[in-house]
């Protein structure tokens, strides 16, 4: 690992410590010869995953100078290197700053289309980032985010659960709310991908693409995010959300729940059905 990391960086590596694993990759903390500490994700056979993550982080950073993402130190076919982010407690002031910076990320330098110009991944599953080419968000979301994972997860779902999601897809145009232009979104913004450090929060491990900004907010609510009420209040003050956005949270949660069905099986079927019923009103 030290030799591979040194070759990628073109720099001496003093020490590498294992931090466990996640999905198909291992996690490490390394000390470099120039005094920096870095975080390393490595895998022997994950072609495309790290390139997509690096592209997503860089693309999110293009939204503006205060975009809440770390710089990419280096990326290769089998390794991704980021700055080491020393964890800190999520304070109220950090949460409010995060809400404002997330709003700026979503509303600054918007992309022209939904999707992204690279092949995406969410966890280690392929994520279809085909650009919308002028199509509206409801149709793109149904085709690129709901239908593929419903097909792949159908073997873990009952016919009733499948039918509920199909009904959402059929009615997506009326359920999606007012039109919203594309935003640069993280795409997998559960609490584990919010790194609280110092006086702010930074986003890691994105499934970044041009999407609907309510998607990131719904994902933060799905599994619980510290100080979420403060984050959302600061966000809504900085970039007011469309009426009824809270009622649409379950609609935006259907994609990550379908991903969890594909990854983990029947465990998430009941939660998926509950979200689909809520989305249908």
C-alpha atoms as a PDB file:
ATOM      1  CA  UNK A   1       0.000   0.000   0.000  1.00  0.00           C
ATOM      2  CA  UNK A   2       2.793   2.443   0.848  1.00  0.00           C
ATOM      3  CA  UNK A   3       4.510   1.777  -2.471  1.00  0.00           C
ATOM      4  CA  UNK A   4       1.286   2.114  -4.504  1.00  0.00           C
ATOM      5  CA  UNK A   5       0.365   5.339  -2.744  1.00  0.00           C
ATOM      6  CA  UNK A   6       3.855   6.763  -3.196  1.00  0.00           C
ATOM      7  CA  UNK A   7       3.754   5.998  -6.933  1.00  0.00           C
ATOM      8  CA  UNK A   8       0.367   7.690  -7.295  1.00  0.00           C
ATOM      9  CA  UNK A   9       1.458  10.799  -5.404  1.00  0.00           C
ATOM     10  CA  UNK A  10       5.064  10.951  -6.563  1.00  0.00           C
ATOM     11  CA  UNK A  11       5.916  11.527  -2.924  1.00  0.00           C
ATOM     12  CA  UNK A  12       7.294   9.577   0.005  1.00  0.00           C
ATOM     13  CA  UNK A  13       4.828   7.934   2.399  1.00  0.00           C
ATOM     14  CA  UNK A  14       5.850   7.642   6.038  1.00  0.00           C
ATOM     15  CA  UNK A  15       3.034   5.469   7.375  1.00  0.00           C
ATOM     16  CA  UNK A  16      -0.281   3.860   6.393  1.00  0.00           C
ATOM     17  CA  UNK A  17      -2.876   2.735   8.958  1.00  0.00           C
ATOM     18  CA  UNK A  18      -5.937   0.636   8.136  1.00  0.00           C
ATOM     19  CA  UNK A  19      -9.384   1.962   9.050  1.00  0.00           C
ATOM     20  CA  UNK A  20     -11.498  -1.000   8.017  1.00  0.00           C
ATOM     21  CA  UNK A  21     -13.539  -1.413   4.858  1.00  0.00           C
ATOM     22  CA  UNK A  22     -16.682  -0.172   3.140  1.00  0.00           C
ATOM     23  CA  UNK A  23     -18.414  -1.977   0.272  1.00  0.00           C
ATOM     24  CA  UNK A  24     -15.609  -3.330  -1.962  1.00  0.00           C
ATOM     25  CA  UNK A  25     -12.824  -1.010  -0.842  1.00  0.00           C
ATOM     26  CA  UNK A  26     -10.489  -0.614   2.107  1.00  0.00           C
ATOM     27  CA  UNK A  27     -10.000   2.643   4.033  1.00  0.00           C
ATOM     28  CA  UNK A  28      -6.703   4.053   5.311  1.00  0.00           C
ATOM     29  CA  UNK A  29      -5.041   7.045   6.932  1.00  0.00           C
ATOM     30  CA  UNK A  30      -1.573   7.888   5.649  1.00  0.00           C
ATOM     31  CA  UNK A  31       1.199  10.249   6.713  1.00  0.00           C
ATOM     32  CA  UNK A  32       3.127  11.774   3.815  1.00  0.00           C
ATOM     33  CA  UNK A  33       6.771  12.843   3.727  1.00  0.00           C
ATOM     34  CA  UNK A  34       5.737  16.505   3.358  1.00  0.00           C
ATOM     35  CA  UNK A  35       3.830  16.387   6.674  1.00  0.00           C
ATOM     36  CA  UNK A  36       0.312  16.043   5.299  1.00  0.00           C
ATOM     37  CA  UNK A  37      -2.193  13.505   6.566  1.00  0.00           C
ATOM     38  CA  UNK A  38      -4.491  11.976   3.931  1.00  0.00           C
ATOM     39  CA  UNK A  39      -7.462   9.651   3.695  1.00  0.00           C
ATOM     40  CA  UNK A  40      -7.163   6.793   1.194  1.00  0.00           C
ATOM     41  CA  UNK A  41      -9.745   4.508  -0.383  1.00  0.00           C
ATOM     42  CA  UNK A  42      -8.264   1.544  -2.220  1.00  0.00           C
ATOM     43  CA  UNK A  43      -9.524  -1.507  -4.117  1.00  0.00           C
ATOM     44  CA  UNK A  44      -8.030  -4.090  -6.411  1.00  0.00           C
ATOM     45  CA  UNK A  45     -10.956  -4.172  -8.859  1.00  0.00           C
ATOM     46  CA  UNK A  46     -13.167  -1.079  -8.815  1.00  0.00           C
ATOM     47  CA  UNK A  47     -12.552   0.415 -12.240  1.00  0.00           C
ATOM     48  CA  UNK A  48     -14.543   3.583 -12.631  1.00  0.00           C
ATOM     49  CA  UNK A  49     -15.781   4.018  -9.055  1.00  0.00           C
ATOM     50  CA  UNK A  50     -12.951   6.216  -7.835  1.00  0.00           C
ATOM     51  CA  UNK A  51     -12.817   8.165 -11.092  1.00  0.00           C
ATOM     52  CA  UNK A  52     -16.529   8.928 -10.724  1.00  0.00           C
ATOM     53  CA  UNK A  53     -16.101  10.013  -7.111  1.00  0.00           C
ATOM     54  CA  UNK A  54     -13.169  12.263  -7.955  1.00  0.00           C
ATOM     55  CA  UNK A  55     -15.043  13.778 -10.921  1.00  0.00           C
ATOM     56  CA  UNK A  56     -18.051  14.398  -8.709  1.00  0.00           C
ATOM     57  CA  UNK A  57     -16.068  16.125  -5.968  1.00  0.00           C
ATOM     58  CA  UNK A  58     -14.266  18.356  -8.450  1.00  0.00           C
ATOM     59  CA  UNK A  59     -17.522  19.183 -10.239  1.00  0.00           C
ATOM     60  CA  UNK A  60     -19.307  20.062  -7.003  1.00  0.00           C
ATOM     61  CA  UNK A  61     -16.358  22.286  -6.100  1.00  0.00           C
ATOM     62  CA  UNK A  62     -16.897  24.266  -9.298  1.00  0.00           C
ATOM     63  CA  UNK A  63     -20.178  25.625  -7.890  1.00  0.00           C
ATOM     64  CA  UNK A  64     -18.300  28.355  -6.032  1.00  0.00           C
ATOM     65  CA  UNK A  65     -15.403  29.157  -3.703  1.00  0.00           C
ATOM     66  CA  UNK A  66     -17.266  28.060  -0.564  1.00  0.00           C
ATOM     67  CA  UNK A  67     -18.550  24.749  -1.906  1.00  0.00           C
ATOM     68  CA  UNK A  68     -18.522  22.330   1.067  1.00  0.00           C
ATOM     69  CA  UNK A  69     -16.346  19.636  -0.505  1.00  0.00           C
ATOM     70  CA  UNK A  70     -12.706  18.649   0.075  1.00  0.00           C
ATOM     71  CA  UNK A  71     -10.074  18.910  -2.634  1.00  0.00           C
ATOM     72  CA  UNK A  72      -9.047  15.714  -4.409  1.00  0.00           C
ATOM     73  CA  UNK A  73      -5.383  15.058  -3.622  1.00  0.00           C
ATOM     74  CA  UNK A  74      -5.036  12.297  -6.215  1.00  0.00           C
ATOM     75  CA  UNK A  75      -7.103   9.663  -7.989  1.00  0.00           C
ATOM     76  CA  UNK A  76      -6.160   6.509  -9.859  1.00  0.00           C
ATOM     77  CA  UNK A  77      -7.950   3.446 -11.134  1.00  0.00           C
ATOM     78  CA  UNK A  78      -7.568   1.637  -7.810  1.00  0.00           C
ATOM     79  CA  UNK A  79      -7.094   4.460  -5.294  1.00  0.00           C
ATOM     80  CA  UNK A  80      -8.585   7.791  -4.222  1.00  0.00           C
ATOM     81  CA  UNK A  81      -6.721  10.198  -1.930  1.00  0.00           C
ATOM     82  CA  UNK A  82      -8.383  13.067  -0.039  1.00  0.00           C
ATOM     83  CA  UNK A  83      -7.140  15.366   2.724  1.00  0.00           C
ATOM     84  CA  UNK A  84      -7.526  13.913   6.193  1.00  0.00           C
ATOM     85  CA  UNK A  85     -10.502  15.655   7.824  1.00  0.00           C
ATOM     86  CA  UNK A  86     -10.234  15.652  11.592  1.00  0.00           C
ATOM     87  CA  UNK A  87     -13.735  14.911  12.908  1.00  0.00           C
ATOM     88  CA  UNK A  88     -15.497  17.348  15.232  1.00  0.00           C
ATOM     89  CA  UNK A  89     -18.882  17.607  16.904  1.00  0.00           C
ATOM     90  CA  UNK A  90     -21.696  19.139  14.807  1.00  0.00           C
ATOM     91  CA  UNK A  91     -22.235  22.474  16.551  1.00  0.00           C
ATOM     92  CA  UNK A  92     -25.227  24.767  15.900  1.00  0.00           C
ATOM     93  CA  UNK A  93     -23.029  27.339  14.170  1.00  0.00           C
ATOM     94  CA  UNK A  94     -21.447  24.676  11.952  1.00  0.00           C
ATOM     95  CA  UNK A  95     -24.917  23.373  11.063  1.00  0.00           C
ATOM     96  CA  UNK A  96     -26.132  26.820  10.065  1.00  0.00           C
ATOM     97  CA  UNK A  97     -23.027  27.382   7.974  1.00  0.00           C
ATOM     98  CA  UNK A  98     -23.563  24.012   6.329  1.00  0.00           C
ATOM     99  CA  UNK A  99     -27.151  24.938   5.458  1.00  0.00           C
ATOM    100  CA  UNK A 100     -26.033  28.170   3.805  1.00  0.00           C
ATOM    101  CA  UNK A 101     -23.166  26.506   1.931  1.00  0.00           C
ATOM    102  CA  UNK A 102     -25.378  23.658   0.733  1.00  0.00           C
ATOM    103  CA  UNK A 103     -27.888  26.222  -0.559  1.00  0.00           C
ATOM    104  CA  UNK A 104     -25.084  28.024  -2.392  1.00  0.00           C
ATOM    105  CA  UNK A 105     -23.891  24.712  -3.854  1.00  0.00           C
ATOM    106  CA  UNK A 106     -27.365  23.961  -5.185  1.00  0.00           C
ATOM    107  CA  UNK A 107     -28.077  27.404  -6.605  1.00  0.00           C
ATOM    108  CA  UNK A 108     -24.630  28.544  -7.800  1.00  0.00           C
ATOM    109  CA  UNK A 109     -23.381  27.776 -11.327  1.00  0.00           C
ATOM    110  CA  UNK A 110     -26.225  25.408 -12.137  1.00  0.00           C
ATOM    111  CA  UNK A 111     -25.646  22.685 -14.762  1.00  0.00           C
ATOM    112  CA  UNK A 112     -27.572  22.841 -18.002  1.00  0.00           C
ATOM    113  CA  UNK A 113     -29.056  19.342 -17.751  1.00  0.00           C
ATOM    114  CA  UNK A 114     -30.065  16.671 -15.283  1.00  0.00           C
ATOM    115  CA  UNK A 115     -27.474  13.907 -15.138  1.00  0.00           C
ATOM    116  CA  UNK A 116     -23.711  14.183 -15.587  1.00  0.00           C
ATOM    117  CA  UNK A 117     -21.092  13.671 -18.321  1.00  0.00           C
ATOM    118  CA  UNK A 118     -19.506  10.651 -16.608  1.00  0.00           C
ATOM    119  CA  UNK A 119     -20.617   7.152 -15.641  1.00  0.00           C
ATOM    120  CA  UNK A 120     -21.887   7.275 -12.083  1.00  0.00           C
ATOM    121  CA  UNK A 121     -21.967   4.948  -9.084  1.00  0.00           C
ATOM    122  CA  UNK A 122     -23.927   4.909  -5.849  1.00  0.00           C
ATOM    123  CA  UNK A 123     -22.112   2.718  -3.343  1.00  0.00           C
ATOM    124  CA  UNK A 124     -20.706   0.154  -5.798  1.00  0.00           C
ATOM    125  CA  UNK A 125     -23.816   0.034  -7.999  1.00  0.00           C
ATOM    126  CA  UNK A 126     -23.831   1.676 -11.456  1.00  0.00           C
ATOM    127  CA  UNK A 127     -25.781   4.950 -11.573  1.00  0.00           C
ATOM    128  CA  UNK A 128     -27.182   6.018 -14.938  1.00  0.00           C
ATOM    129  CA  UNK A 129     -26.130   9.650 -15.430  1.00  0.00           C
ATOM    130  CA  UNK A 130     -27.390   9.959 -19.013  1.00  0.00           C
ATOM    131  CA  UNK A 131     -28.057  13.652 -19.612  1.00  0.00           C
ATOM    132  CA  UNK A 132     -31.689  14.719 -19.810  1.00  0.00           C
ATOM    133  CA  UNK A 133     -31.263  16.631 -23.096  1.00  0.00           C
ATOM    134  CA  UNK A 134     -34.097  19.026 -22.319  1.00  0.00           C
ATOM    135  CA  UNK A 135     -36.452  16.535 -20.645  1.00  0.00           C
ATOM    136  CA  UNK A 136     -38.017  17.626 -17.375  1.00  0.00           C
ATOM    137  CA  UNK A 137     -36.921  16.280 -14.002  1.00  0.00           C
ATOM    138  CA  UNK A 138     -39.932  14.022 -13.267  1.00  0.00           C
ATOM    139  CA  UNK A 139     -39.439  11.986 -16.449  1.00  0.00           C
ATOM    140  CA  UNK A 140     -35.650  11.841 -15.954  1.00  0.00           C
ATOM    141  CA  UNK A 141     -35.993  10.787 -12.288  1.00  0.00           C
ATOM    142  CA  UNK A 142     -38.464   8.038 -13.150  1.00  0.00           C
ATOM    143  CA  UNK A 143     -36.370   6.686 -16.026  1.00  0.00           C
ATOM    144  CA  UNK A 144     -32.863   7.019 -14.567  1.00  0.00           C
ATOM    145  CA  UNK A 145     -33.391   6.659 -10.814  1.00  0.00           C
ATOM    146  CA  UNK A 146     -36.573   4.695 -10.091  1.00  0.00           C
ATOM    147  CA  UNK A 147     -37.168   2.218 -12.923  1.00  0.00           C
ATOM    148  CA  UNK A 148     -33.647   0.648 -13.054  1.00  0.00           C
ATOM    149  CA  UNK A 149     -33.505  -0.087  -9.328  1.00  0.00           C
ATOM    150  CA  UNK A 150     -37.113  -1.268  -9.215  1.00  0.00           C
ATOM    151  CA  UNK A 151     -36.202  -3.830 -11.901  1.00  0.00           C
ATOM    152  CA  UNK A 152     -33.048  -4.893 -10.068  1.00  0.00           C
ATOM    153  CA  UNK A 153     -34.752  -5.026  -6.677  1.00  0.00           C
ATOM    154  CA  UNK A 154     -38.025  -6.622  -7.777  1.00  0.00           C
ATOM    155  CA  UNK A 155     -36.934 -10.103  -6.652  1.00  0.00           C
ATOM    156  CA  UNK A 156     -36.827  -8.798  -3.070  1.00  0.00           C
ATOM    157  CA  UNK A 157     -40.241  -7.081  -3.187  1.00  0.00           C
ATOM    158  CA  UNK A 158     -43.844  -8.239  -3.018  1.00  0.00           C
ATOM    159  CA  UNK A 159     -46.191  -7.575  -5.900  1.00  0.00           C
ATOM    160  CA  UNK A 160     -47.935  -4.946  -3.755  1.00  0.00           C
ATOM    161  CA  UNK A 161     -44.689  -3.121  -3.019  1.00  0.00           C
ATOM    162  CA  UNK A 162     -43.761  -3.150  -6.697  1.00  0.00           C
ATOM    163  CA  UNK A 163     -47.172  -1.821  -7.676  1.00  0.00           C
ATOM    164  CA  UNK A 164     -46.922   1.094  -5.240  1.00  0.00           C
ATOM    165  CA  UNK A 165     -43.668   2.274  -6.823  1.00  0.00           C
ATOM    166  CA  UNK A 166     -45.120   1.763 -10.301  1.00  0.00           C
ATOM    167  CA  UNK A 167     -48.045   4.019  -9.355  1.00  0.00           C
ATOM    168  CA  UNK A 168     -45.600   6.739  -8.288  1.00  0.00           C
ATOM    169  CA  UNK A 169     -43.827   6.419 -11.640  1.00  0.00           C
ATOM    170  CA  UNK A 170     -47.123   6.661 -13.499  1.00  0.00           C
ATOM    171  CA  UNK A 171     -48.140   9.816 -11.584  1.00  0.00           C
ATOM    172  CA  UNK A 172     -44.671  11.371 -11.321  1.00  0.00           C
ATOM    173  CA  UNK A 173     -45.608  14.450 -13.321  1.00  0.00           C
ATOM    174  CA  UNK A 174     -48.256  15.504 -10.812  1.00  0.00           C
ATOM    175  CA  UNK A 175     -46.329  14.419  -7.703  1.00  0.00           C
ATOM    176  CA  UNK A 176     -43.069  16.243  -8.441  1.00  0.00           C
ATOM    177  CA  UNK A 177     -44.223  19.755  -7.562  1.00  0.00           C
ATOM    178  CA  UNK A 178     -43.370  22.944  -9.423  1.00  0.00           C
ATOM    179  CA  UNK A 179     -40.573  22.848 -12.031  1.00  0.00           C
ATOM    180  CA  UNK A 180     -37.084  23.190 -10.585  1.00  0.00           C
ATOM    181  CA  UNK A 181     -33.946  23.867 -12.655  1.00  0.00           C
ATOM    182  CA  UNK A 182     -31.040  21.404 -12.361  1.00  0.00           C
ATOM    183  CA  UNK A 183     -28.750  21.786  -9.357  1.00  0.00           C
ATOM    184  CA  UNK A 184     -25.345  20.344  -8.579  1.00  0.00           C
ATOM    185  CA  UNK A 185     -26.351  17.782  -5.963  1.00  0.00           C
ATOM    186  CA  UNK A 186     -24.361  15.316  -3.895  1.00  0.00           C
ATOM    187  CA  UNK A 187     -26.785  12.521  -4.739  1.00  0.00           C
ATOM    188  CA  UNK A 188     -26.106  10.248  -1.729  1.00  0.00           C
ATOM    189  CA  UNK A 189     -26.292  12.687   1.168  1.00  0.00           C
ATOM    190  CA  UNK A 190     -26.937  10.440   4.137  1.00  0.00           C
ATOM    191  CA  UNK A 191     -25.385  11.449   7.456  1.00  0.00           C
ATOM    192  CA  UNK A 192     -22.313   9.248   6.977  1.00  0.00           C
ATOM    193  CA  UNK A 193     -21.323  11.345   3.984  1.00  0.00           C
ATOM    194  CA  UNK A 194     -21.417  14.596   5.962  1.00  0.00           C
ATOM    195  CA  UNK A 195     -18.021  15.036   7.606  1.00  0.00           C
ATOM    196  CA  UNK A 196     -18.184  17.527  10.478  1.00  0.00           C
ATOM    197  CA  UNK A 197     -14.778  19.110  10.903  1.00  0.00           C
ATOM    198  CA  UNK A 198     -13.737  22.315  12.620  1.00  0.00           C
ATOM    199  CA  UNK A 199     -16.433  24.946  12.193  1.00  0.00           C
ATOM    200  CA  UNK A 200     -18.132  23.468   9.123  1.00  0.00           C
ATOM    201  CA  UNK A 201     -19.289  20.298   7.399  1.00  0.00           C
ATOM    202  CA  UNK A 202     -17.816  18.882   4.182  1.00  0.00           C
ATOM    203  CA  UNK A 203     -19.417  16.412   1.789  1.00  0.00           C
ATOM    204  CA  UNK A 204     -17.643  13.171   0.937  1.00  0.00           C
ATOM    205  CA  UNK A 205     -18.379  10.063  -1.161  1.00  0.00           C
ATOM    206  CA  UNK A 206     -20.785  11.704  -3.635  1.00  0.00           C
ATOM    207  CA  UNK A 207     -22.965  10.243  -6.359  1.00  0.00           C
ATOM    208  CA  UNK A 208     -22.901  13.734  -7.858  1.00  0.00           C
ATOM    209  CA  UNK A 209     -25.025  14.800 -10.811  1.00  0.00           C
ATOM    210  CA  UNK A 210     -27.371  17.490 -11.987  1.00  0.00           C
ATOM    211  CA  UNK A 211     -30.549  16.787 -10.086  1.00  0.00           C
ATOM    212  CA  UNK A 212     -33.360  18.224  -7.979  1.00  0.00           C
ATOM    213  CA  UNK A 213     -32.101  20.052  -4.906  1.00  0.00           C
ATOM    214  CA  UNK A 214     -34.867  18.590  -2.733  1.00  0.00           C
ATOM    215  CA  UNK A 215     -33.224  15.178  -3.279  1.00  0.00           C
ATOM    216  CA  UNK A 216     -30.237  16.029  -1.074  1.00  0.00           C
ATOM    217  CA  UNK A 217     -32.493  17.392   1.675  1.00  0.00           C
ATOM    218  CA  UNK A 218     -34.681  14.290   1.586  1.00  0.00           C
ATOM    219  CA  UNK A 219     -31.649  12.013   1.828  1.00  0.00           C
ATOM    220  CA  UNK A 220     -30.397  13.874   4.904  1.00  0.00           C
ATOM    221  CA  UNK A 221     -33.782  13.243   6.539  1.00  0.00           C
ATOM    222  CA  UNK A 222     -33.932   9.546   5.614  1.00  0.00           C
ATOM    223  CA  UNK A 223     -31.457   8.164   8.140  1.00  0.00           C
ATOM    224  CA  UNK A 224     -31.112  11.202  10.390  1.00  0.00           C
ATOM    225  CA  UNK A 225     -28.514  13.975  10.216  1.00  0.00           C
ATOM    226  CA  UNK A 226     -27.281  15.850  13.312  1.00  0.00           C
ATOM    227  CA  UNK A 227     -28.625  19.376  13.713  1.00  0.00           C
ATOM    228  CA  UNK A 228     -30.908  18.810  10.712  1.00  0.00           C
ATOM    229  CA  UNK A 229     -33.512  21.393  11.750  1.00  0.00           C
ATOM    230  CA  UNK A 230     -30.818  24.084  11.924  1.00  0.00           C
ATOM    231  CA  UNK A 231     -29.345  22.993   8.598  1.00  0.00           C
ATOM    232  CA  UNK A 232     -32.725  23.153   6.873  1.00  0.00           C
ATOM    233  CA  UNK A 233     -33.722  26.474   8.443  1.00  0.00           C
ATOM    234  CA  UNK A 234     -30.463  28.102   7.319  1.00  0.00           C
ATOM    235  CA  UNK A 235     -30.837  26.534   3.859  1.00  0.00           C
ATOM    236  CA  UNK A 236     -34.410  27.739   3.401  1.00  0.00           C
ATOM    237  CA  UNK A 237     -33.461  31.232   4.519  1.00  0.00           C
ATOM    238  CA  UNK A 238     -30.598  31.375   2.015  1.00  0.00           C
ATOM    239  CA  UNK A 239     -32.456  29.718  -0.897  1.00  0.00           C
ATOM    240  CA  UNK A 240     -36.199  29.432  -0.167  1.00  0.00           C
ATOM    241  CA  UNK A 241     -37.749  26.125  -1.139  1.00  0.00           C
ATOM    242  CA  UNK A 242     -40.949  25.693  -3.151  1.00  0.00           C
ATOM    243  CA  UNK A 243     -44.217  25.297  -1.283  1.00  0.00           C
ATOM    244  CA  UNK A 244     -44.935  21.739  -0.279  1.00  0.00           C
ATOM    245  CA  UNK A 245     -41.332  20.557  -0.300  1.00  0.00           C
ATOM    246  CA  UNK A 246     -41.700  18.667   2.973  1.00  0.00           C
ATOM    247  CA  UNK A 247     -44.601  16.652   1.539  1.00  0.00           C
ATOM    248  CA  UNK A 248     -42.360  15.642  -1.375  1.00  0.00           C
ATOM    249  CA  UNK A 249     -39.595  14.222   0.843  1.00  0.00           C
ATOM    250  CA  UNK A 250     -40.874  10.618   0.446  1.00  0.00           C
ATOM    251  CA  UNK A 251     -40.828  10.954  -3.350  1.00  0.00           C
ATOM    252  CA  UNK A 252     -37.142  11.839  -3.275  1.00  0.00           C
ATOM    253  CA  UNK A 253     -36.422   9.070  -0.765  1.00  0.00           C
ATOM    254  CA  UNK A 254     -37.680   6.353  -3.106  1.00  0.00           C
ATOM    255  CA  UNK A 255     -34.431   6.191  -5.063  1.00  0.00           C
ATOM    256  CA  UNK A 256     -32.098   5.620  -2.078  1.00  0.00           C
ATOM    257  CA  UNK A 257     -34.583   3.148  -0.613  1.00  0.00           C
ATOM    258  CA  UNK A 258     -34.636   1.195  -3.894  1.00  0.00           C
ATOM    259  CA  UNK A 259     -30.820   1.224  -3.843  1.00  0.00           C
ATOM    260  CA  UNK A 260     -30.954  -0.272  -0.350  1.00  0.00           C
ATOM    261  CA  UNK A 261     -33.390  -2.938  -1.542  1.00  0.00           C
ATOM    262  CA  UNK A 262     -30.921  -3.905  -4.292  1.00  0.00           C
ATOM    263  CA  UNK A 263     -27.986  -3.934  -1.870  1.00  0.00           C
ATOM    264  CA  UNK A 264     -29.600  -5.479   1.213  1.00  0.00           C
ATOM    265  CA  UNK A 265     -32.756  -7.268   0.097  1.00  0.00           C
ATOM    266  CA  UNK A 266     -36.181  -7.519   1.704  1.00  0.00           C
ATOM    267  CA  UNK A 267     -35.196  -5.575   4.840  1.00  0.00           C
ATOM    268  CA  UNK A 268     -36.149  -2.284   3.182  1.00  0.00           C
ATOM    269  CA  UNK A 269     -39.339  -3.408   1.416  1.00  0.00           C
ATOM    270  CA  UNK A 270     -41.753  -2.146   4.071  1.00  0.00           C
ATOM    271  CA  UNK A 271     -39.982   1.224   4.352  1.00  0.00           C
ATOM    272  CA  UNK A 272     -40.054   1.567   0.588  1.00  0.00           C
ATOM    273  CA  UNK A 273     -43.790   0.865   0.508  1.00  0.00           C
ATOM    274  CA  UNK A 274     -44.420   3.393   3.270  1.00  0.00           C
ATOM    275  CA  UNK A 275     -42.508   6.077   1.338  1.00  0.00           C
ATOM    276  CA  UNK A 276     -44.391   5.269  -1.863  1.00  0.00           C
ATOM    277  CA  UNK A 277     -47.745   5.573  -0.083  1.00  0.00           C
ATOM    278  CA  UNK A 278     -46.664   8.912   1.390  1.00  0.00           C
ATOM    279  CA  UNK A 279     -45.480  10.141  -2.008  1.00  0.00           C
ATOM    280  CA  UNK A 280     -48.885   9.269  -3.463  1.00  0.00           C
ATOM    281  CA  UNK A 281     -50.555  11.273  -0.708  1.00  0.00           C
END
